[in-house]
Amino acid sequence: MTAASANIGQGSLPQLSGKLLWLYRIAWCALAVCAVLASVLSPLQSPPHPALLALRLVKSAVLVSVAAILLYRRQRDPVAALLALAFLAWTITSSFDLAHDLGFAQVLDRGRFLLFALALPLFPDGRWQPRWGPSIAVGSGAVFLIGVGETVGLLPTHAFLPMAIPCVLAGIASLVARFRASTNYALKQQLKWVALGLIAGVGLILCARAGSAASIWRRDVMPILWEGMFQLGIIIVALGFMVSLLRYRLFDAETVITRSAAYATLTIALVATFGGTEALIQNIGQNYLGMNFGSISGGMAAAVAAVLLSPFHERITKWAEERFQPDLAQLKRQIPEMMARLGTSTSTRGLCEGALPQINDAIHATRSALFLDDRIVGAAGIALGQARRWARESFSGESASTKRDQGDVVFPVVLPLRGAASSAKEWLFIGPRPDGTLYAREELDAVRSILPAVQQALVMAQEREALDAAIDRRERLLQAEIVRIYARLHDLERDRLAVNG
């Protein structure tokens, strides 16, 4: 009771318990049964296209699975409860054509909207942030009542959908405001996953609704496309929320966003290039040659798009990485410059102290170490003495291949500095992520791209250290020789004085 009161005082929803928890479980079970029945009975309503039927079944399976996972893993979380009930309701309503007179499905769709609109400003920890979050809840409740009134015939208006869309967009804006104001890295990663799901999913849903309303294309083809986009958008929204709430692979958010943005931009660029080139060839043919190229223009446009595929992909991928993965972009740009600068003036330990922390920060590694000449010469995220003790215990008397296999136990990633075919004992050991998940390919590729610069700087530092050590030995020998010469002269002077005296 005290904890619940404290949560309310802090502007957040309390954890579900007691009768409220049992009410949630009962509502979940009832909606789950209805969702399964709706998925089974949906083909009987009006036999859809086989592709749409398969997509609807996949959508239903994904939403019910997400709701079940949220019930099992986050049973007392009020935000997870709102989303789980919303996804079950969405499974039911999206299995029917709401344009028909289905009063129950339409009322349930309004309830699904309210649950989803309430979950957005409360996501992910149940706190009303930003401060204008409660106003979104009030507005969404009013829109819900208007929608129910329209459904049951009490209101003659058709304002629910035009008013519901701004409520959802306001909820998304609250997530953006919370992301900008937060300094919690894990929370920001959660919001990135949700943003990815909402931008892609809601974008597909709005495009599907707009295309379906326009109905300017062939009715035997385009309705299938619009419905497919709608069902796919629902799947993407649900998966984005599930991954975020379960905190699964939080550190891959930037990688997924980068790939998605790159592929979407590349697709748009290629489609625009194809369409523009085809139209240009057709216009030139008609205006100057007086003929219609027909299919030839399509083939030439496809050829131009194929030629531009590689440079488009390279430029767009680079732009997406700079925009959504700035840590990796800075790593690949700054480390070689820093190694070239420090290689001529810093020791191997100094190089490690400069490079390893940046590598850890860029790929979110817990620790890293550099292994040169059968010993650890630098470490970050772990004490150097501890890393050296681990190296002695793990590597003593073992071959190079066995060392690498044993190194994987503590450091899951082992990268050779001189290439995989080299037998040189120069490796970069990288520890696990905080959540224990594997690294993305882009992250490891970024680290591999800087290893030649690190290896070259280490070679320069080792050569300079060897030269400095040789000079020190030579100076010590010369000093010892000078001491002996002085002693000899002292003895000779003493003997001369003794003879003359």
Protein backbone atom coordinates (compact mmCIF):
# COMPACT_ATOMS: atom_id res chain seq x y z
CA MET A 1 0.00 0.00 0.00
CA THR A 2 2.80 2.39 0.82
CA ALA A 3 4.62 1.62 -2.44
CA ALA A 4 1.47 2.22 -4.45
CA SER A 5 0.88 5.55 -2.71
CA ALA A 6 4.49 6.56 -3.36
CA ASN A 7 4.15 5.71 -7.05
CA ILE A 8 0.97 7.73 -7.36
CA GLY A 9 2.63 10.63 -5.59
CA GLN A 10 5.46 10.51 -8.08
CA GLY A 11 2.98 10.65 -11.01
CA SER A 12 3.17 6.98 -12.01
CA LEU A 13 0.81 4.03 -12.08
CA PRO A 14 1.17 1.43 -9.29
CA GLN A 15 2.03 -2.18 -10.03
CA LEU A 16 -0.97 -4.46 -10.51
CA SER A 17 -1.91 -6.50 -7.47
CA GLY A 18 -4.92 -8.04 -5.73
CA LYS A 19 -8.30 -7.69 -7.42
CA LEU A 20 -6.93 -5.44 -10.16
CA LEU A 21 -4.41 -8.13 -11.15
CA TRP A 22 -7.11 -10.79 -11.23
CA LEU A 23 -9.36 -8.50 -13.30
CA TYR A 24 -6.52 -8.09 -15.79
CA ARG A 25 -6.01 -11.85 -15.99
CA ILE A 26 -9.72 -12.49 -16.56
CA ALA A 27 -9.92 -9.78 -19.24
CA TRP A 28 -6.80 -11.17 -20.89
CA CYS A 29 -8.18 -14.71 -21.00
CA ALA A 30 -11.53 -13.55 -22.38
CA LEU A 31 -9.92 -11.47 -25.11
CA ALA A 32 -7.46 -14.27 -25.93
CA VAL A 33 -10.32 -16.72 -26.49
CA CYS A 34 -12.15 -14.17 -28.65
CA ALA A 35 -8.93 -13.49 -30.59
CA VAL A 36 -8.44 -17.16 -31.40
CA LEU A 37 -12.11 -17.53 -32.43
CA ALA A 38 -11.91 -14.39 -34.57
CA SER A 39 -8.81 -15.68 -36.33
CA VAL A 40 -10.52 -19.01 -37.03
CA LEU A 41 -13.84 -17.50 -38.14
CA SER A 42 -12.34 -14.65 -40.18
CA PRO A 43 -12.12 -16.68 -43.45
CA LEU A 44 -15.83 -17.54 -43.12
CA GLN A 45 -16.84 -13.86 -43.14
CA SER A 46 -15.73 -13.31 -46.75
CA PRO A 47 -13.13 -15.63 -48.27
CA PRO A 48 -10.05 -13.41 -48.62
CA HIS A 49 -7.14 -13.76 -51.00
CA PRO A 50 -4.88 -16.68 -49.93
CA ALA A 51 -1.98 -14.30 -49.34
CA LEU A 52 -4.13 -12.06 -47.16
CA LEU A 53 -5.45 -15.04 -45.25
CA ALA A 54 -1.90 -16.21 -44.53
CA LEU A 55 -0.85 -12.71 -43.45
CA ARG A 56 -3.88 -12.37 -41.16
CA LEU A 57 -3.08 -15.69 -39.52
CA VAL A 58 0.56 -14.66 -39.05
CA LYS A 59 -0.59 -11.34 -37.60
CA SER A 60 -2.94 -13.07 -35.18
CA ALA A 61 -0.23 -15.51 -34.10
CA VAL A 62 2.27 -12.67 -33.53
CA LEU A 63 -0.14 -10.48 -31.54
CA VAL A 64 -1.42 -13.31 -29.35
CA SER A 65 2.17 -14.47 -28.76
CA VAL A 66 3.29 -10.94 -27.83
CA ALA A 67 0.34 -10.57 -25.44
CA ALA A 68 1.14 -13.96 -23.87
CA ILE A 69 4.81 -13.05 -23.43
CA LEU A 70 3.88 -9.74 -21.80
CA LEU A 71 1.47 -11.53 -19.44
CA TYR A 72 4.12 -14.09 -18.51
CA ARG A 73 7.15 -11.79 -18.24
CA ARG A 74 5.58 -8.47 -17.11
CA GLN A 75 2.38 -9.56 -15.38
CA ARG A 76 2.25 -6.74 -12.81
CA ASP A 77 3.40 -3.98 -15.16
CA PRO A 78 0.43 -1.67 -15.91
CA VAL A 79 1.90 -0.49 -19.22
CA ALA A 80 2.49 -4.07 -20.37
CA ALA A 81 -1.09 -4.88 -19.31
CA LEU A 82 -2.50 -2.01 -21.40
CA LEU A 83 -0.49 -3.09 -24.42
CA ALA A 84 -1.31 -6.80 -24.02
CA LEU A 85 -5.06 -6.08 -23.91
CA ALA A 86 -4.72 -3.64 -26.82
CA PHE A 87 -2.94 -6.26 -28.96
CA LEU A 88 -5.57 -8.90 -28.18
CA ALA A 89 -8.34 -6.45 -29.06
CA TRP A 90 -6.44 -5.51 -32.22
CA THR A 91 -6.26 -9.18 -33.18
CA ILE A 92 -10.04 -9.37 -33.05
CA THR A 93 -10.87 -6.09 -34.79
CA SER A 94 -8.25 -6.42 -37.55
CA SER A 95 -9.62 -9.86 -38.46
CA PHE A 96 -12.88 -8.29 -39.68
CA ASP A 97 -13.83 -5.61 -42.15
CA LEU A 98 -14.98 -2.76 -39.91
CA ALA A 99 -16.70 -1.12 -42.87
CA HIS A 100 -19.49 -3.66 -42.42
CA ASP A 101 -22.10 -3.25 -39.69
CA LEU A 102 -20.24 -5.09 -36.92
CA GLY A 103 -21.20 -3.18 -33.79
CA PHE A 104 -19.27 -5.34 -31.34
CA ALA A 105 -16.07 -5.21 -33.40
CA GLN A 106 -16.34 -1.44 -33.82
CA VAL A 107 -16.86 -0.83 -30.09
CA LEU A 108 -13.94 -3.13 -29.32
CA ASP A 109 -11.83 -1.21 -31.85
CA ARG A 110 -12.60 2.00 -29.95
CA GLY A 111 -11.52 0.29 -26.73
CA ARG A 112 -8.32 -0.88 -28.38
CA PHE A 113 -7.61 2.70 -29.41
CA LEU A 114 -8.08 3.92 -25.83
CA LEU A 115 -5.78 1.26 -24.37
CA PHE A 116 -3.08 2.00 -26.94
CA ALA A 117 -3.39 5.79 -26.57
CA LEU A 118 -3.09 5.50 -22.77
CA ALA A 119 0.00 3.28 -23.01
CA LEU A 120 1.99 5.70 -25.17
CA PRO A 121 2.48 8.60 -22.67
CA LEU A 122 3.03 6.06 -19.85
CA PHE A 123 5.63 3.98 -21.66
CA PRO A 124 7.76 2.24 -20.43
CA ASP A 125 7.68 2.67 -16.63
CA GLY A 126 4.16 3.98 -16.02
CA ARG A 127 5.19 7.59 -15.35
CA TRP A 128 3.30 10.51 -16.84
CA GLN A 129 6.12 12.12 -18.76
CA PRO A 130 6.19 14.75 -20.09
CA ARG A 131 3.87 16.78 -17.88
CA TRP A 132 1.27 17.17 -20.62
CA GLY A 133 0.93 13.39 -20.82
CA PRO A 134 -2.32 13.30 -18.75
CA SER A 135 -3.95 15.67 -21.24
CA ILE A 136 -3.40 13.04 -23.93
CA ALA A 137 -5.21 10.52 -21.75
CA VAL A 138 -8.14 12.94 -21.22
CA GLY A 139 -8.37 13.71 -24.92
CA SER A 140 -8.17 10.04 -25.84
CA GLY A 141 -10.96 9.23 -23.38
CA ALA A 142 -13.17 11.90 -24.95
CA VAL A 143 -12.45 10.56 -28.44
CA PHE A 144 -13.24 7.05 -27.21
CA LEU A 145 -16.66 8.18 -25.94
CA ILE A 146 -17.36 9.93 -29.24
CA GLY A 147 -16.45 6.76 -31.12
CA VAL A 148 -18.72 4.62 -28.95
CA GLY A 149 -21.54 7.14 -29.37
CA GLU A 150 -21.16 7.00 -33.14
CA THR A 151 -21.13 3.20 -33.11
CA VAL A 152 -24.30 2.77 -31.05
CA GLY A 153 -26.12 5.50 -32.97
CA LEU A 154 -26.22 8.20 -30.30
CA LEU A 155 -24.09 10.59 -32.37
CA PRO A 156 -24.66 11.21 -36.10
CA THR A 157 -21.06 12.35 -36.67
CA HIS A 158 -18.11 10.53 -38.26
CA ALA A 159 -15.32 12.28 -36.35
CA PHE A 160 -13.75 9.34 -34.51
CA LEU A 161 -11.00 8.49 -36.97
CA PRO A 162 -9.97 12.13 -37.75
CA MET A 163 -9.77 12.78 -33.98
CA ALA A 164 -8.11 9.46 -33.06
CA ILE A 165 -5.12 9.96 -35.36
CA PRO A 166 -3.98 13.22 -33.65
CA CYS A 167 -4.27 11.49 -30.26
CA VAL A 168 -1.94 8.70 -31.38
CA LEU A 169 0.45 11.22 -32.93
CA ALA A 170 0.43 13.20 -29.67
CA GLY A 171 1.32 10.00 -27.80
CA ILE A 172 4.22 9.42 -30.17
CA ALA A 173 5.30 13.05 -29.64
CA SER A 174 5.34 12.40 -25.88
CA LEU A 175 7.76 9.52 -26.46
CA VAL A 176 10.00 11.82 -28.51
CA ALA A 177 9.94 14.46 -25.75
CA ARG A 178 10.79 11.85 -23.13
CA PHE A 179 13.67 10.56 -25.25
CA ARG A 180 15.18 14.02 -25.56
CA ALA A 181 14.81 14.79 -21.85
CA SER A 182 16.13 11.45 -20.54
CA THR A 183 19.72 10.76 -19.57
CA ASN A 184 19.09 7.05 -18.91
CA TYR A 185 20.81 5.07 -21.65
CA ALA A 186 18.66 1.93 -21.23
CA LEU A 187 15.47 4.02 -21.41
CA LYS A 188 16.67 5.71 -24.57
CA GLN A 189 17.38 2.34 -26.16
CA GLN A 190 13.87 1.17 -25.26
CA LEU A 191 12.38 4.29 -26.81
CA LYS A 192 14.44 3.75 -29.96
CA TRP A 193 12.96 0.27 -30.42
CA VAL A 194 9.45 1.65 -29.91
CA ALA A 195 10.14 4.53 -32.30
CA LEU A 196 11.29 2.07 -34.97
CA GLY A 197 8.15 -0.03 -34.59
CA LEU A 198 5.81 2.97 -34.49
CA ILE A 199 7.34 4.83 -37.41
CA ALA A 200 7.38 1.77 -39.65
CA GLY A 201 4.14 0.22 -38.40
CA VAL A 202 1.97 3.33 -38.09
CA GLY A 203 3.38 4.57 -41.40
CA LEU A 204 2.24 1.38 -43.13
CA ILE A 205 -1.16 1.54 -41.42
CA LEU A 206 -1.77 5.18 -42.41
CA CYS A 207 -0.64 4.49 -45.99
CA ALA A 208 -2.97 1.50 -46.12
CA ARG A 209 -5.92 3.53 -44.83
CA ALA A 210 -5.20 6.38 -47.22
CA GLY A 211 -4.81 4.04 -50.19
CA SER A 212 -7.93 2.12 -49.33
CA ALA A 213 -9.92 5.34 -49.01
CA ALA A 214 -8.66 6.70 -52.32
CA SER A 215 -9.44 3.54 -54.33
CA ILE A 216 -7.99 4.97 -57.51
CA TRP A 217 -6.31 1.76 -58.70
CA ARG A 218 -7.67 -1.52 -59.97
CA ARG A 219 -9.94 -2.91 -57.28
CA ASP A 220 -8.88 -6.51 -57.91
CA VAL A 221 -5.24 -5.82 -57.08
CA MET A 222 -4.75 -2.76 -54.88
CA PRO A 223 -7.15 -3.69 -52.02
CA ILE A 224 -4.94 -6.71 -51.44
CA LEU A 225 -1.89 -4.44 -51.22
CA TRP A 226 -3.57 -2.02 -48.80
CA GLU A 227 -4.81 -4.80 -46.55
CA GLY A 228 -1.39 -6.46 -46.60
CA MET A 229 0.29 -3.18 -45.59
CA PHE A 230 -2.25 -2.76 -42.78
CA GLN A 231 -1.68 -6.23 -41.33
CA LEU A 232 2.11 -5.92 -41.64
CA GLY A 233 2.05 -2.56 -39.87
CA ILE A 234 0.22 -4.10 -36.90
CA ILE A 235 2.87 -6.84 -36.65
CA ILE A 236 5.73 -4.35 -36.68
CA VAL A 237 4.14 -2.16 -33.97
CA ALA A 238 3.60 -5.16 -31.69
CA LEU A 239 7.14 -6.47 -32.13
CA GLY A 240 8.65 -3.05 -31.43
CA PHE A 241 6.84 -2.79 -28.10
CA MET A 242 7.64 -6.38 -27.12
CA VAL A 243 11.36 -6.04 -27.74
CA SER A 244 11.45 -2.75 -25.84
CA LEU A 245 9.50 -3.94 -22.79
CA LEU A 246 11.46 -7.18 -22.51
CA ARG A 247 14.73 -5.24 -22.98
CA TYR A 248 15.83 -7.84 -25.52
CA ARG A 249 18.92 -6.83 -27.51
CA LEU A 250 18.56 -3.19 -26.51
CA PHE A 251 22.02 -2.40 -27.86
CA ASP A 252 20.98 -3.44 -31.39
CA ALA A 253 18.48 -0.61 -31.74
CA GLU A 254 20.88 1.63 -33.67
CA THR A 255 21.89 -1.24 -35.96
CA VAL A 256 18.29 -2.13 -36.84
CA ILE A 257 17.36 1.53 -37.32
CA THR A 258 20.38 2.07 -39.56
CA ARG A 259 19.58 -0.93 -41.74
CA SER A 260 15.91 -0.03 -41.96
CA ALA A 261 16.63 3.58 -42.90
CA ALA A 262 19.26 2.52 -45.44
CA TYR A 263 17.02 -0.06 -47.13
CA ALA A 264 13.99 2.25 -47.16
CA THR A 265 15.98 5.16 -48.60
CA LEU A 266 17.67 2.88 -51.15
CA THR A 267 14.30 1.51 -52.26
CA ILE A 268 12.83 4.99 -52.65
CA ALA A 269 15.91 6.17 -54.57
CA LEU A 270 15.84 3.21 -56.96
CA VAL A 271 12.09 3.49 -57.56
CA ALA A 272 12.41 7.22 -58.20
CA THR A 273 15.35 6.62 -60.54
CA PHE A 274 13.48 3.92 -62.42
CA GLY A 275 10.29 5.97 -62.75
CA GLY A 276 12.08 9.18 -63.72
CA THR A 277 14.33 7.47 -66.26
CA GLU A 278 11.44 5.61 -67.86
CA ALA A 279 9.35 8.77 -68.15
CA LEU A 280 12.32 10.71 -69.57
CA ILE A 281 13.02 8.06 -72.22
CA GLN A 282 9.36 7.96 -73.20
CA ASN A 283 9.17 11.77 -73.52
CA ILE A 284 12.37 11.95 -75.56
CA GLY A 285 11.14 9.20 -77.85
CA GLN A 286 7.79 10.83 -78.44
CA ASN A 287 8.99 14.43 -78.77
CA TYR A 288 12.15 13.98 -80.84
CA LEU A 289 11.87 10.58 -82.51
CA GLY A 290 8.11 10.43 -82.93
CA MET A 291 7.82 6.90 -81.61
CA ASN A 292 6.81 5.04 -78.49
CA PHE A 293 9.59 2.96 -76.97
CA GLY A 294 7.17 0.83 -74.96
CA SER A 295 8.94 -1.93 -73.06
CA ILE A 296 12.33 -0.66 -74.22
CA SER A 297 12.07 2.34 -71.91
CA GLY A 298 11.34 0.04 -68.97
CA GLY A 299 14.39 -2.11 -69.73
CA MET A 300 16.66 0.92 -70.10
CA ALA A 301 15.35 2.41 -66.86
CA ALA A 302 15.97 -0.89 -65.08
CA ALA A 303 19.51 -0.96 -66.46
CA VAL A 304 20.18 2.58 -65.21
CA ALA A 305 18.83 1.67 -61.77
CA ALA A 306 21.01 -1.46 -61.67
CA VAL A 307 24.12 0.57 -62.55
CA LEU A 308 23.35 3.09 -59.80
CA LEU A 309 22.58 0.40 -57.21
CA SER A 310 26.14 0.06 -55.91
CA PRO A 311 26.98 3.79 -55.55
CA PHE A 312 23.52 4.45 -54.08
CA HIS A 313 23.98 1.65 -51.57
CA GLU A 314 27.43 2.88 -50.52
CA ARG A 315 26.39 6.50 -50.09
CA ILE A 316 23.10 5.74 -48.35
CA THR A 317 24.69 3.23 -46.00
CA LYS A 318 27.36 5.74 -45.06
CA TRP A 319 24.73 8.43 -44.48
CA ALA A 320 22.59 6.11 -42.35
CA GLU A 321 25.58 5.08 -40.24
CA GLU A 322 26.62 8.71 -39.70
CA ARG A 323 23.06 9.62 -38.75
CA PHE A 324 21.99 6.68 -36.58
CA GLN A 325 25.29 5.11 -35.44
CA PRO A 326 27.54 8.11 -34.76
CA ASP A 327 29.64 6.14 -32.25
CA LEU A 328 30.77 3.66 -34.91
CA ALA A 329 31.35 6.44 -37.44
CA GLN A 330 33.51 8.36 -34.95
CA LEU A 331 35.37 5.19 -34.04
CA LYS A 332 36.35 4.52 -37.65
CA ARG A 333 37.31 8.14 -38.18
CA GLN A 334 39.04 9.07 -34.93
CA ILE A 335 40.99 5.96 -33.97
CA PRO A 336 43.21 5.87 -37.10
CA GLU A 337 43.95 9.58 -36.68
CA MET A 338 44.74 9.15 -32.99
CA MET A 339 46.92 6.09 -33.61
CA ALA A 340 48.90 7.93 -36.29
CA ARG A 341 49.47 10.81 -33.88
CA LEU A 342 50.31 8.77 -30.79
CA GLY A 343 52.26 6.02 -32.51
CA THR A 344 55.37 8.17 -32.74
CA SER A 345 55.27 9.58 -29.22
CA THR A 346 53.44 7.22 -26.83
CA SER A 347 54.16 3.83 -25.30
CA THR A 348 52.13 0.69 -26.00
CA ARG A 349 50.29 1.15 -22.72
CA GLY A 350 49.46 4.73 -23.67
CA LEU A 351 48.08 3.54 -27.01
CA CYS A 352 45.93 0.98 -25.23
CA GLU A 353 44.65 3.60 -22.78
CA GLY A 354 43.64 5.77 -25.73
CA ALA A 355 42.09 3.14 -28.02
CA LEU A 356 40.45 0.52 -25.80
CA PRO A 357 38.00 2.81 -23.92
CA GLN A 358 36.79 4.26 -27.22
CA ILE A 359 36.24 0.77 -28.63
CA ASN A 360 34.26 -0.19 -25.52
CA ASP A 361 32.09 2.91 -25.75
CA ALA A 362 31.40 2.52 -29.47
CA ILE A 363 30.25 -1.11 -29.35
CA HIS A 364 28.99 -1.12 -25.72
CA ALA A 365 31.55 -3.68 -24.54
CA THR A 366 32.04 -4.28 -20.82
CA ARG A 367 35.80 -4.79 -21.14
CA SER A 368 38.62 -5.28 -23.61
CA ALA A 369 42.29 -6.18 -23.54
CA LEU A 370 45.25 -6.23 -25.91
CA PHE A 371 47.43 -9.34 -26.02
CA LEU A 372 50.97 -8.91 -27.40
CA ASP A 373 53.91 -11.29 -27.17
CA ASP A 374 52.28 -13.68 -24.69
CA ARG A 375 51.18 -10.98 -22.28
CA ILE A 376 48.42 -8.44 -21.71
CA VAL A 377 49.83 -4.97 -22.37
CA GLY A 378 46.64 -2.96 -21.92
CA ALA A 379 43.07 -3.34 -20.66
CA ALA A 380 39.92 -1.26 -20.26
CA GLY A 381 36.91 -2.10 -18.14
CA ILE A 382 39.02 -4.56 -16.14
CA ALA A 383 42.05 -4.00 -13.92
CA LEU A 384 45.33 -4.57 -15.73
CA GLY A 385 46.59 -6.81 -12.95
CA GLN A 386 43.41 -8.89 -13.06
CA ALA A 387 43.65 -9.21 -16.84
CA ARG A 388 47.28 -10.32 -16.55
CA ARG A 389 46.41 -12.92 -13.88
CA TRP A 390 43.62 -14.19 -16.12
CA ALA A 391 46.07 -14.39 -19.02
CA ARG A 392 48.64 -16.34 -17.00
CA GLU A 393 46.03 -18.79 -15.73
CA SER A 394 44.40 -19.27 -19.13
CA PHE A 395 47.35 -19.16 -21.50
CA SER A 396 50.26 -20.77 -19.66
CA GLY A 397 51.73 -23.56 -21.74
CA GLU A 398 48.99 -23.53 -24.37
CA SER A 399 49.17 -23.28 -28.13
CA ALA A 400 47.84 -20.28 -30.03
CA SER A 401 44.60 -21.99 -31.10
CA THR A 402 43.93 -23.21 -27.57
CA LYS A 403 44.60 -19.75 -26.21
CA ARG A 404 41.99 -18.27 -28.49
CA ASP A 405 39.45 -20.93 -27.58
CA GLN A 406 40.04 -20.32 -23.87
CA GLY A 407 39.97 -16.59 -24.43
CA ASP A 408 36.43 -16.91 -25.77
CA VAL A 409 35.26 -18.03 -22.31
CA VAL A 410 35.94 -14.63 -20.75
CA PHE A 411 36.16 -12.53 -23.93
CA PRO A 412 33.57 -13.79 -26.47
CA VAL A 413 35.23 -11.90 -29.34
CA VAL A 414 38.90 -12.42 -30.25
CA LEU A 415 40.19 -10.46 -33.25
CA PRO A 416 43.73 -10.92 -34.64
CA LEU A 417 45.56 -7.69 -35.28
CA ARG A 418 47.48 -9.05 -38.28
CA GLY A 419 44.71 -10.96 -40.02
CA ALA A 420 43.31 -14.43 -39.54
CA ALA A 421 46.10 -16.12 -41.52
CA SER A 422 48.88 -14.66 -39.39
CA SER A 423 50.44 -16.69 -36.60
CA ALA A 424 51.56 -13.58 -34.73
CA LYS A 425 50.43 -13.46 -31.12
CA GLU A 426 48.69 -10.12 -31.37
CA TRP A 427 44.99 -10.22 -30.52
CA LEU A 428 42.29 -7.84 -29.38
CA PHE A 429 40.05 -9.43 -26.75
CA ILE A 430 36.56 -7.94 -26.41
CA GLY A 431 34.29 -8.72 -23.48
CA PRO A 432 30.53 -9.24 -23.62
CA ARG A 433 27.81 -6.63 -23.70
CA PRO A 434 26.10 -5.73 -20.41
CA ASP A 435 23.09 -7.86 -21.43
CA GLY A 436 25.20 -10.73 -22.74
CA THR A 437 23.90 -10.52 -26.32
CA LEU A 438 26.06 -10.97 -29.39
CA TYR A 439 27.56 -8.09 -31.33
CA ALA A 440 26.12 -6.97 -34.64
CA ARG A 441 28.10 -7.49 -37.83
CA GLU A 442 28.44 -3.72 -38.38
CA GLU A 443 30.03 -3.29 -34.95
CA LEU A 444 32.63 -6.00 -35.50
CA ASP A 445 33.33 -4.71 -39.01
CA ALA A 446 33.93 -1.24 -37.57
CA VAL A 447 36.41 -2.65 -35.04
CA ARG A 448 38.16 -4.73 -37.72
CA SER A 449 38.52 -1.63 -39.91
CA ILE A 450 40.62 0.16 -37.26
CA LEU A 451 42.84 -2.81 -36.34
CA PRO A 452 45.46 -2.15 -39.08
CA ALA A 453 45.95 1.37 -37.75
CA VAL A 454 46.19 0.06 -34.17
CA GLN A 455 48.64 -2.65 -35.21
CA GLN A 456 50.81 -0.19 -37.15
CA ALA A 457 50.88 2.22 -34.20
CA LEU A 458 51.81 -0.64 -31.86
CA VAL A 459 54.65 -1.69 -34.15
CA MET A 460 55.97 1.87 -34.18
CA ALA A 461 55.65 2.13 -30.41
CA GLN A 462 57.39 -1.23 -29.88
CA GLU A 463 60.22 -0.28 -32.24
CA ARG A 464 60.66 3.04 -30.48
CA GLU A 465 60.54 1.36 -27.08
CA ALA A 466 63.12 -1.19 -28.24
CA LEU A 467 65.32 1.62 -29.58
CA ASP A 468 64.91 3.60 -26.34
CA ALA A 469 65.76 0.49 -24.34
CA ALA A 470 68.89 -0.09 -26.46
CA ILE A 471 69.91 3.55 -26.03
CA ASP A 472 69.37 3.26 -22.27
CA ARG A 473 71.50 0.11 -22.12
CA ARG A 474 74.20 1.79 -24.16
CA GLU A 475 74.12 4.84 -21.90
CA ARG A 476 74.36 2.64 -18.81
CA LEU A 477 77.33 0.79 -20.32
CA LEU A 478 79.00 4.07 -21.20
CA GLN A 479 78.39 5.42 -17.71
CA ALA A 480 79.83 2.26 -16.19
CA GLU A 481 82.84 2.52 -18.49
CA ILE A 482 83.34 6.15 -17.53
CA VAL A 483 83.17 5.19 -13.85
CA ARG A 484 85.81 2.52 -14.43
CA ILE A 485 88.03 4.99 -16.31
CA TYR A 486 87.72 7.52 -13.49
CA ALA A 487 88.56 4.82 -10.98
CA ARG A 488 91.58 3.77 -13.03
CA LEU A 489 92.77 7.36 -13.29
CA HIS A 490 92.27 7.78 -9.55
CA ASP A 491 94.37 4.69 -8.90
CA LEU A 492 97.11 5.88 -11.24
CA GLU A 493 97.16 9.30 -9.63
CA ARG A 494 97.41 7.73 -6.20
CA ASP A 495 100.27 5.49 -7.30
CA ARG A 496 102.15 8.45 -8.79
CA LEU A 497 101.78 10.43 -5.61
CA ALA A 498 102.96 7.46 -3.58
CA VAL A 499 106.14 7.09 -5.75
CA ASN A 500 106.95 10.79 -5.63
CA GLY A 501 106.32 11.00 -1.90
